[in-house]
C-alpha atoms as a PDB file:
ATOM      1  CA  MET A   1     -21.218 -25.725 -25.133  1.00  0.00           C
ATOM      2  CA  GLY A   2     -21.786 -22.783 -22.752  1.00  0.00           C
ATOM      3  CA  GLY A   3     -19.813 -19.777 -21.713  1.00  0.00           C
ATOM      4  CA  LEU A   4     -18.722 -16.633 -23.447  1.00  0.00           C
ATOM      5  CA  LEU A   5     -17.505 -16.650 -27.008  1.00  0.00           C
ATOM      6  CA  GLU A   6     -16.195 -13.489 -28.644  1.00  0.00           C
ATOM      7  CA  GLY A   7     -18.251 -12.661 -31.706  1.00  0.00           C
ATOM      8  CA  LYS A   8     -21.230 -14.698 -30.477  1.00  0.00           C
ATOM      9  CA  ASN A   9     -22.205 -13.454 -27.031  1.00  0.00           C
ATOM     10  CA  LEU A  10     -19.175 -11.388 -26.048  1.00  0.00           C
ATOM     11  CA  LEU A  11     -17.976  -8.084 -27.454  1.00  0.00           C
ATOM     12  CA  VAL A  12     -14.617  -6.730 -26.319  1.00  0.00           C
ATOM     13  CA  GLU A  13     -14.097  -2.977 -26.637  1.00  0.00           C
ATOM     14  CA  VAL A  14     -10.406  -2.108 -26.345  1.00  0.00           C
ATOM     15  CA  ARG A  15      -9.080   1.317 -25.445  1.00  0.00           C
ATOM     16  CA  ALA A  16      -5.385   2.095 -24.958  1.00  0.00           C
ATOM     17  CA  ALA A  17      -3.720   5.311 -23.854  1.00  0.00           C
ATOM     18  CA  ASP A  18      -0.418   4.270 -25.459  1.00  0.00           C
ATOM     19  CA  GLY A  19       1.543   5.891 -22.634  1.00  0.00           C
ATOM     20  CA  ASP A  20      -0.433   9.154 -22.736  1.00  0.00           C
ATOM     21  CA  TYR A  21      -2.089   8.861 -19.326  1.00  0.00           C
ATOM     22  CA  ASP A  22      -3.903  12.178 -19.770  1.00  0.00           C
ATOM     23  CA  ARG A  23      -6.142  10.340 -22.268  1.00  0.00           C
ATOM     24  CA  LEU A  24      -7.362   7.816 -19.687  1.00  0.00           C
ATOM     25  CA  PRO A  25     -10.399   9.818 -18.480  1.00  0.00           C
ATOM     26  CA  VAL A  26     -11.640  10.256 -22.056  1.00  0.00           C
ATOM     27  CA  LEU A  27     -11.146   6.574 -22.818  1.00  0.00           C
ATOM     28  CA  ALA A  28     -12.932   5.537 -19.629  1.00  0.00           C
ATOM     29  CA  ALA A  29     -15.811   7.891 -20.433  1.00  0.00           C
ATOM     30  CA  GLU A  30     -16.102   6.311 -23.897  1.00  0.00           C
ATOM     31  CA  LEU A  31     -16.521   2.877 -22.329  1.00  0.00           C
ATOM     32  CA  VAL A  32     -19.094   4.177 -19.867  1.00  0.00           C
ATOM     33  CA  GLY A  33     -20.957   5.797 -22.771  1.00  0.00           C
ATOM     34  CA  LEU A  34     -21.063   2.435 -24.516  1.00  0.00           C
ATOM     35  CA  LYS A  35     -22.781   1.002 -21.427  1.00  0.00           C
ATOM     36  CA  VAL A  36     -20.314  -1.861 -21.119  1.00  0.00           C
ATOM     37  CA  ASP A  37     -21.000  -4.575 -18.548  1.00  0.00           C
ATOM     38  CA  ALA A  38     -17.525  -4.327 -16.987  1.00  0.00           C
ATOM     39  CA  ILE A  39     -14.275  -2.425 -17.371  1.00  0.00           C
ATOM     40  CA  VAL A  40     -10.861  -4.069 -17.110  1.00  0.00           C
ATOM     41  CA  ALA A  41      -8.331  -1.481 -15.977  1.00  0.00           C
ATOM     42  CA  PHE A  42      -4.655  -2.281 -16.366  1.00  0.00           C
ATOM     43  CA  GLY A  43      -2.826  -0.287 -13.719  1.00  0.00           C
ATOM     44  CA  VAL A  44      -3.719   2.143 -10.972  1.00  0.00           C
ATOM     45  CA  LYS A  45      -3.903   5.152 -13.318  1.00  0.00           C
ATOM     46  CA  ALA A  46      -6.448   3.379 -15.506  1.00  0.00           C
ATOM     47  CA  LEU A  47      -8.320   2.241 -12.405  1.00  0.00           C
ATOM     48  CA  THR A  48      -8.464   5.818 -11.151  1.00  0.00           C
ATOM     49  CA  ALA A  49      -9.852   7.080 -14.464  1.00  0.00           C
ATOM     50  CA  ALA A  50     -12.427   4.293 -14.648  1.00  0.00           C
ATOM     51  CA  ARG A  51     -13.545   4.803 -11.066  1.00  0.00           C
ATOM     52  CA  ARG A  52     -14.001   8.523 -11.635  1.00  0.00           C
ATOM     53  CA  SER A  53     -16.111   7.750 -14.712  1.00  0.00           C
ATOM     54  CA  THR A  54     -18.612   5.354 -13.141  1.00  0.00           C
ATOM     55  CA  GLU A  55     -20.056   4.242  -9.844  1.00  0.00           C
ATOM     56  CA  THR A  56     -22.219   1.499 -11.325  1.00  0.00           C
ATOM     57  CA  ILE A  57     -20.099  -0.472 -13.801  1.00  0.00           C
ATOM     58  CA  PRO A  58     -17.899  -3.133 -12.178  1.00  0.00           C
ATOM     59  CA  ILE A  59     -14.182  -2.469 -12.621  1.00  0.00           C
ATOM     60  CA  VAL A  60     -11.716  -5.346 -12.690  1.00  0.00           C
ATOM     61  CA  ILE A  61      -7.996  -4.824 -12.228  1.00  0.00           C
ATOM     62  CA  PRO A  62      -5.766  -7.773 -13.106  1.00  0.00           C
ATOM     63  CA  ALA A  63      -2.739  -8.582 -10.989  1.00  0.00           C
ATOM     64  CA  THR A  64      -1.184  -5.493  -9.472  1.00  0.00           C
ATOM     65  CA  SER A  65       1.590  -4.898  -6.990  1.00  0.00           C
ATOM     66  CA  SER A  66      -0.262  -1.868  -5.614  1.00  0.00           C
ATOM     67  CA  ASP A  67      -2.060  -2.144  -2.280  1.00  0.00           C
ATOM     68  CA  LEU A  68      -5.585  -1.286  -3.394  1.00  0.00           C
ATOM     69  CA  VAL A  69      -6.841  -1.276   0.216  1.00  0.00           C
ATOM     70  CA  ALA A  70      -4.169   1.186   1.369  1.00  0.00           C
ATOM     71  CA  LEU A  71      -4.837   3.371  -1.675  1.00  0.00           C
ATOM     72  CA  GLY A  72      -8.564   3.421  -0.814  1.00  0.00           C
ATOM     73  CA  PHE A  73      -9.799   1.700  -3.958  1.00  0.00           C
ATOM     74  CA  VAL A  74     -11.427  -1.178  -2.058  1.00  0.00           C
ATOM     75  CA  ASP A  75     -12.479  -1.737   1.536  1.00  0.00           C
ATOM     76  CA  SER A  76     -10.827  -5.160   1.758  1.00  0.00           C
ATOM     77  CA  PHE A  77      -9.736  -8.007  -0.464  1.00  0.00           C
ATOM     78  CA  ALA A  78     -12.296 -10.289   1.201  1.00  0.00           C
ATOM     79  CA  ARG A  79     -15.074  -7.915   0.059  1.00  0.00           C
ATOM     80  CA  PRO A  80     -13.626  -5.776  -2.736  1.00  0.00           C
ATOM     81  CA  ARG A  81     -16.376  -3.177  -2.882  1.00  0.00           C
ATOM     82  CA  PRO A  82     -15.302   0.335  -3.797  1.00  0.00           C
ATOM     83  CA  GLY A  83     -13.558   2.103  -0.928  1.00  0.00           C
ATOM     84  CA  ARG A  84     -14.969   5.196   0.630  1.00  0.00           C
END
């Protein structure tokens, strides 16, 4: 049986601002300091904080109604590299 299994070969580090968006940069910096393999950012504010904290760690944003291309977060959805 392959794949990722929490507690065996996957560790999930959870950070939550609990509505206090001013905490997001500190929380993102904590994750970067832990040298995580990826960051999952829920919402554009979390995405902004994560992006400002790292240029090397991949950032994943689950379903969003925001236009990430128009906001400059990615160049295109076909090639979602960080926008310029």
